Protein backbone atom coordinates (compact mmCIF):
# COMPACT_ATOMS: atom_id res chain seq x y z
CA MET A 1 9.69 -40.94 28.15
CA LYS A 2 9.71 -42.06 31.81
CA VAL A 3 6.16 -40.83 32.32
CA MET A 4 4.87 -42.74 29.30
CA ASN A 5 6.60 -45.93 30.49
CA ARG A 6 4.94 -45.58 33.88
CA VAL A 7 1.56 -45.10 32.25
CA ILE A 8 2.04 -48.26 30.21
CA LEU A 9 3.15 -50.24 33.27
CA VAL A 10 0.18 -49.03 35.31
CA ALA A 11 -2.20 -49.91 32.47
CA ALA A 12 -0.59 -53.29 32.11
CA LEU A 13 -0.84 -53.90 35.88
CA ALA A 14 -4.51 -52.94 35.90
CA LEU A 15 -5.16 -55.30 33.03
CA TYR A 16 -3.24 -57.98 34.85
CA VAL A 17 -5.22 -57.55 38.04
CA SER A 18 -8.55 -57.50 36.25
CA SER A 19 -7.56 -60.49 34.21
CA TYR A 20 -6.41 -62.32 37.35
CA ALA A 21 -9.75 -61.70 39.00
CA ALA A 22 -11.56 -62.93 35.97
CA ALA A 23 -9.22 -65.87 35.72
CA GLN A 24 -10.61 -67.28 38.94
CA GLU A 25 -13.64 -68.23 36.91
CA MET A 26 -11.70 -69.13 33.75
CA THR A 27 -10.09 -72.33 32.72
CA LYS A 28 -6.33 -72.38 32.57
CA GLU A 29 -6.41 -72.42 28.77
CA GLU A 30 -8.72 -69.37 28.66
CA TRP A 31 -6.57 -67.48 31.16
CA GLN A 32 -3.40 -68.29 29.26
CA LYS A 33 -4.97 -67.13 25.99
CA GLN A 34 -6.06 -63.82 27.51
CA MET A 35 -2.64 -63.22 29.05
CA THR A 36 -1.03 -63.89 25.68
CA GLU A 37 -3.34 -61.35 24.04
CA LEU A 38 -2.66 -58.75 26.75
CA THR A 39 1.06 -59.29 26.47
CA ALA A 40 0.88 -58.81 22.72
CA THR A 41 -1.14 -55.62 23.20
CA ARG A 42 1.42 -54.32 25.69
CA ASN A 43 4.28 -55.10 23.37
CA ASP A 44 2.46 -53.41 20.48
CA LEU A 45 1.91 -50.28 22.58
CA LYS A 46 5.55 -50.21 23.61
CA SER A 47 6.57 -50.55 19.97
CA LYS A 48 4.30 -47.65 18.99
CA LEU A 49 5.64 -45.57 21.87
CA THR A 50 9.20 -46.21 20.72
CA ALA A 51 8.27 -45.20 17.18
CA LEU A 52 6.58 -42.03 18.44
CA GLN A 53 9.58 -41.17 20.59
CA THR A 54 11.85 -41.63 17.57
CA GLU A 55 9.61 -39.34 15.54
CA ILE A 56 9.62 -36.75 18.34
CA ASP A 57 13.41 -36.83 18.51
CA LYS A 58 13.56 -36.41 14.74
CA LEU A 59 11.19 -33.43 14.83
CA LYS A 60 13.13 -31.86 17.69
CA LYS A 61 16.33 -32.13 15.68
CA GLU A 62 14.65 -30.61 12.61
CA ASP A 63 13.29 -27.79 14.76
CA ALA A 64 16.71 -27.14 16.26
CA ASP A 65 18.30 -27.16 12.79
CA LYS A 66 15.71 -24.68 11.48
CA ALA A 67 16.16 -22.44 14.52
CA ALA A 68 19.92 -22.45 13.97
CA ALA A 69 19.47 -21.67 10.26
CA LEU A 70 17.05 -18.84 11.08
CA LYS A 71 19.45 -17.40 13.62
CA LYS A 72 22.28 -17.55 11.11
CA CYS A 73 20.09 -15.81 8.52
CA ASN A 74 19.05 -13.13 11.02
CA ASP A 75 22.66 -12.59 12.03
CA GLU A 76 23.65 -12.14 8.40
CA VAL A 77 20.79 -9.69 7.78
CA MET A 78 21.66 -7.74 10.94
CA ALA A 79 25.27 -7.53 9.77
CA LEU A 80 24.15 -6.26 6.35
CA VAL A 81 22.15 -3.38 7.90
CA GLY A 82 24.83 -2.64 10.48
CA ALA A 83 22.57 -3.59 13.36
CA GLU A 84 25.06 -3.77 16.17
CA ALA A 85 23.62 -4.03 19.66
CA ALA A 86 24.13 -0.37 20.58
CA ALA A 87 22.83 0.90 17.22
CA GLU A 88 19.77 -1.32 17.47
CA ARG A 89 18.97 -0.06 20.98
CA THR A 90 19.13 3.52 19.70
CA PHE A 91 16.88 2.60 16.77
CA VAL A 92 14.30 0.95 19.04
CA ALA A 93 14.38 3.95 21.39
CA LYS A 94 13.45 6.22 18.47
CA LEU A 95 10.58 3.90 17.54
CA ASP A 96 9.38 4.04 21.14
CA GLU A 97 9.48 7.85 21.06
CA VAL A 98 7.39 7.91 17.89
CA ASP A 99 4.89 5.51 19.44
CA ALA A 100 4.65 7.61 22.61
CA LYS A 101 4.00 10.81 20.62
CA ILE A 102 1.39 9.17 18.40
CA ASN A 103 -0.35 7.77 21.49
CA GLU A 104 -0.37 11.23 23.09
CA LEU A 105 -1.83 12.93 20.01
CA SER A 106 -4.39 10.15 19.47
CA ARG A 107 -5.88 10.80 22.91
CA LEU A 108 -6.61 14.49 22.13
CA SER A 109 -9.99 15.85 21.15
CA ASN A 110 -10.34 17.14 17.59
CA GLN A 111 -10.14 20.71 18.82
CA ASP A 112 -7.00 20.10 20.88
CA LEU A 113 -5.43 18.13 18.05
CA TRP A 114 -6.07 21.05 15.71
CA ALA A 115 -4.36 23.41 18.16
CA ARG A 116 -1.32 21.11 18.12
CA LYS A 117 -1.42 20.13 14.46
CA GLY A 118 2.21 21.13 14.03
CA GLU A 119 3.17 18.21 16.26
CA VAL A 120 1.69 15.80 13.71
CA ASP A 121 4.21 17.14 11.20
CA ASP A 122 6.96 16.79 13.81
CA VAL A 123 6.19 13.15 14.50
CA GLN A 124 6.05 12.48 10.75
CA LYS A 125 9.53 13.97 10.39
CA ALA A 126 10.75 11.76 13.24
CA LEU A 127 9.32 8.66 11.52
CA ASP A 128 10.82 9.71 8.18
CA GLU A 129 14.23 9.80 9.87
CA VAL A 130 13.64 6.30 11.24
CA LYS A 131 12.77 5.09 7.74
CA LYS A 132 16.17 6.22 6.49
CA ASN A 133 17.86 3.65 8.74
CA LYS A 134 18.53 0.31 7.04
CA MET A 135 17.16 -1.48 10.07
CA ASN A 136 13.64 -0.46 9.06
CA ALA A 137 13.77 -3.30 6.51
CA LEU A 138 14.10 -5.93 9.24
CA PRO A 139 10.88 -7.98 9.50
CA LYS A 140 10.56 -7.36 13.23
CA TYR A 141 10.52 -3.57 12.65
CA PHE A 142 8.97 -3.26 9.19
CA ASP A 143 5.39 -3.98 10.31
CA ARG A 144 5.75 -1.73 13.35
CA ILE A 145 6.88 1.22 11.23
CA LYS A 146 4.07 0.58 8.74
CA GLU A 147 1.54 0.66 11.59
CA GLN A 148 3.01 3.93 12.89
CA GLN A 149 2.62 5.50 9.44
CA ASN A 150 -1.00 4.32 9.28
CA ARG A 151 -1.71 5.95 12.63
CA ILE A 152 -0.13 9.25 11.55
CA ASP A 153 -2.25 9.15 8.38
CA ALA A 154 -5.31 8.63 10.59
CA LEU A 155 -4.36 11.71 12.63
CA ARG A 156 -4.16 13.73 9.42
CA LYS A 157 -7.65 12.59 8.41
CA THR A 158 -8.89 13.65 11.85
CA LEU A 159 -7.31 17.06 11.26
CA GLU A 160 -9.13 17.32 7.92
CA THR A 161 -12.41 16.62 9.70
CA ALA A 162 -11.61 19.19 12.37
CA GLN A 163 -10.71 21.70 9.64
CA LEU A 164 -14.12 21.32 8.01
CA GLN A 165 -15.74 22.19 11.33
CA MET A 166 -13.53 25.22 12.01
CA THR A 167 -15.04 28.64 12.63
CA TYR A 168 -13.62 31.83 14.07
CA THR A 169 -15.46 34.53 15.97
CA VAL A 170 -14.09 37.98 15.17
CA GLY A 171 -12.82 40.01 18.09
CA THR A 172 -11.83 43.68 18.16
CA TRP A 173 -8.91 45.41 16.51
CA ALA A 174 -7.94 47.16 19.72
CA LYS A 175 -7.73 43.96 21.77
CA ASP A 176 -7.32 41.10 19.28
CA ARG A 177 -5.84 42.90 16.26
CA ASP A 178 -8.32 40.97 14.18
CA CYS A 179 -8.23 41.38 10.42
CA LEU A 180 -8.23 38.69 7.75
CA TRP A 181 -4.43 38.82 7.48
CA ASN A 182 -3.89 38.37 11.22
CA ILE A 183 -6.62 35.73 11.53
CA ALA A 184 -5.04 33.63 8.77
CA LYS A 185 -1.67 34.01 10.51
CA LYS A 186 -2.91 32.47 13.76
CA PRO A 187 -1.35 29.02 14.46
CA LYS A 188 -4.80 27.56 15.09
CA ILE A 189 -6.06 28.78 11.71
CA TYR A 190 -3.55 28.56 8.81
CA ASP A 191 -0.32 29.74 10.41
CA ASN A 192 0.13 31.58 7.11
CA ALA A 193 -1.06 35.18 6.67
CA PHE A 194 -0.93 34.94 2.86
CA LEU A 195 -3.90 32.56 2.90
CA TRP A 196 -6.27 35.31 4.06
CA PRO A 197 -8.13 35.31 0.66
CA LYS A 198 -9.44 31.83 1.53
CA ILE A 199 -11.32 33.25 4.52
CA TRP A 200 -12.62 36.17 2.44
CA GLN A 201 -13.89 33.97 -0.38
CA GLY A 202 -15.27 31.42 2.06
CA ASN A 203 -17.41 34.11 3.69
CA LYS A 204 -18.41 36.29 0.71
CA GLY A 205 -21.96 36.39 2.02
CA GLN A 206 -20.92 38.45 5.03
CA ILE A 207 -17.62 40.03 3.94
CA LYS A 208 -18.08 42.53 1.12
CA ASN A 209 -14.87 44.44 1.77
CA PRO A 210 -11.97 42.31 3.09
CA ASP A 211 -10.71 45.35 4.99
CA VAL A 212 -13.92 45.48 7.00
CA ILE A 213 -14.93 42.72 9.40
CA LYS A 214 -17.01 43.26 12.51
CA LYS A 215 -16.77 42.07 16.06
CA GLY A 216 -18.93 39.02 16.69
CA GLN A 217 -18.96 37.78 13.09
CA VAL A 218 -18.62 34.00 12.96
CA LEU A 219 -16.39 33.18 10.02
CA THR A 220 -16.18 29.77 8.38
CA ILE A 221 -12.55 28.69 7.99
CA PRO A 222 -12.11 26.72 4.75
CA ALA A 223 -9.69 23.81 4.65
CA LYS A 224 -6.03 24.76 4.56
CA GLY A 225 -4.35 24.49 1.19
CA ASP A 226 -2.92 26.46 -1.68
CA LEU A 227 -5.03 29.37 -2.94
CA THR A 228 -7.45 28.34 -5.66
CA LYS A 229 -7.59 30.09 -9.02
CA GLU A 230 -10.64 32.08 -7.87
CA GLU A 231 -8.98 33.05 -4.59
CA LYS A 232 -5.85 34.24 -6.38
CA SER A 233 -7.97 36.25 -8.81
CA ALA A 234 -9.88 37.89 -5.96
CA ALA A 235 -6.60 38.77 -4.21
CA ARG A 236 -5.15 40.31 -7.38
CA SER A 237 -8.28 42.37 -7.87
CA TYR A 238 -8.12 43.54 -4.25
CA TRP A 239 -4.47 44.62 -4.50
CA SER A 240 -5.04 46.35 -7.83
CA LYS A 241 -7.81 48.45 -6.33
CA LYS A 242 -5.66 49.22 -3.27
CA THR A 243 -2.79 50.31 -5.49
CA ALA A 244 -5.02 52.45 -7.68
CA ALA A 245 -6.53 54.13 -4.65
CA ALA A 246 -3.10 54.91 -3.26
CA VAL A 247 -1.86 56.64 -6.43
CA PRO A 248 -2.80 60.37 -6.38
CA SER A 249 -4.79 61.41 -9.38
CA ALA A 250 -3.19 63.88 -11.80
CA PRO A 251 -4.39 67.50 -11.43
CA ALA A 252 -6.98 68.55 -13.91
CA LYS A 253 -5.67 70.60 -16.84
CA LYS A 254 -6.79 74.22 -16.95
C-alpha cells in the first residue's frame, strides 16, 4: 500500500513539473484547465487503487478462510485414519524404504535384476503392507503409492523380458551337478526343481532323453510359470517309463 502511494505521488509530481514547464508558455486559463484535469486523473487513480486494495483484502480473507477450512478437513481426515504424528512418521519411513529399494533395483542390468528377482517380490510385499494402513488413502500419499506400484510392475515386465532371453550352458555332473532337476532348482532359473519339464520340452530338439544332457549344451530357458498341459503329459510319460523300468519282470514260466 505504501509503495503504491509513493508511485502515485511520484507520477503526480512528474506530471506537475512537466505541466509547470509547459505552463510557462500557457495562458493562466490553459494552465488551470490542465491542472484540473491532472488532479482529476490523480483522484481517479487513487480511487481505483483503494478499490483494488479492498479487493485484495477481500481475496486474502477468502484465501485465509479456505486455508483454515482445508486444514480443518485435513485434521479430521487424519483423525479418521489414526494419523498421529509418530504413526505418520513411521508410515513415511516405510514409504521411503520402498522407494529406496525400487530405485536400487531399477538401476540394475536385466541380468543382475534376474539374479535378484526375489527382491522384487520382497518389495511388493513391503508395499502391500503399506497399503493395509488407512493412511494410504490420504491424498498426499495415495499418488505416491500408486507410482511405486507402477514402478514395481515395470520391474516385473523387465524380468519377463530378461526371462525370454535366458539360456543356460550345461556344466558337468562332477563339478556342477547339472541335470534338468538341479538346473530348474537354481535361484537364477526357476528356483523350483519341479519345473524341470519346461526345460526339457523347451529344448526337445537337443534333449531326447531328459536324463541325458551334455556338457556345453546351451539350453533355452522358457518363461517361468505353471507347467502346461503338454509339459505335464511329458512328465507323466517320463515317470511311467521310469517306474516300469524299475519293476523287475516276472520270470518266464517253464
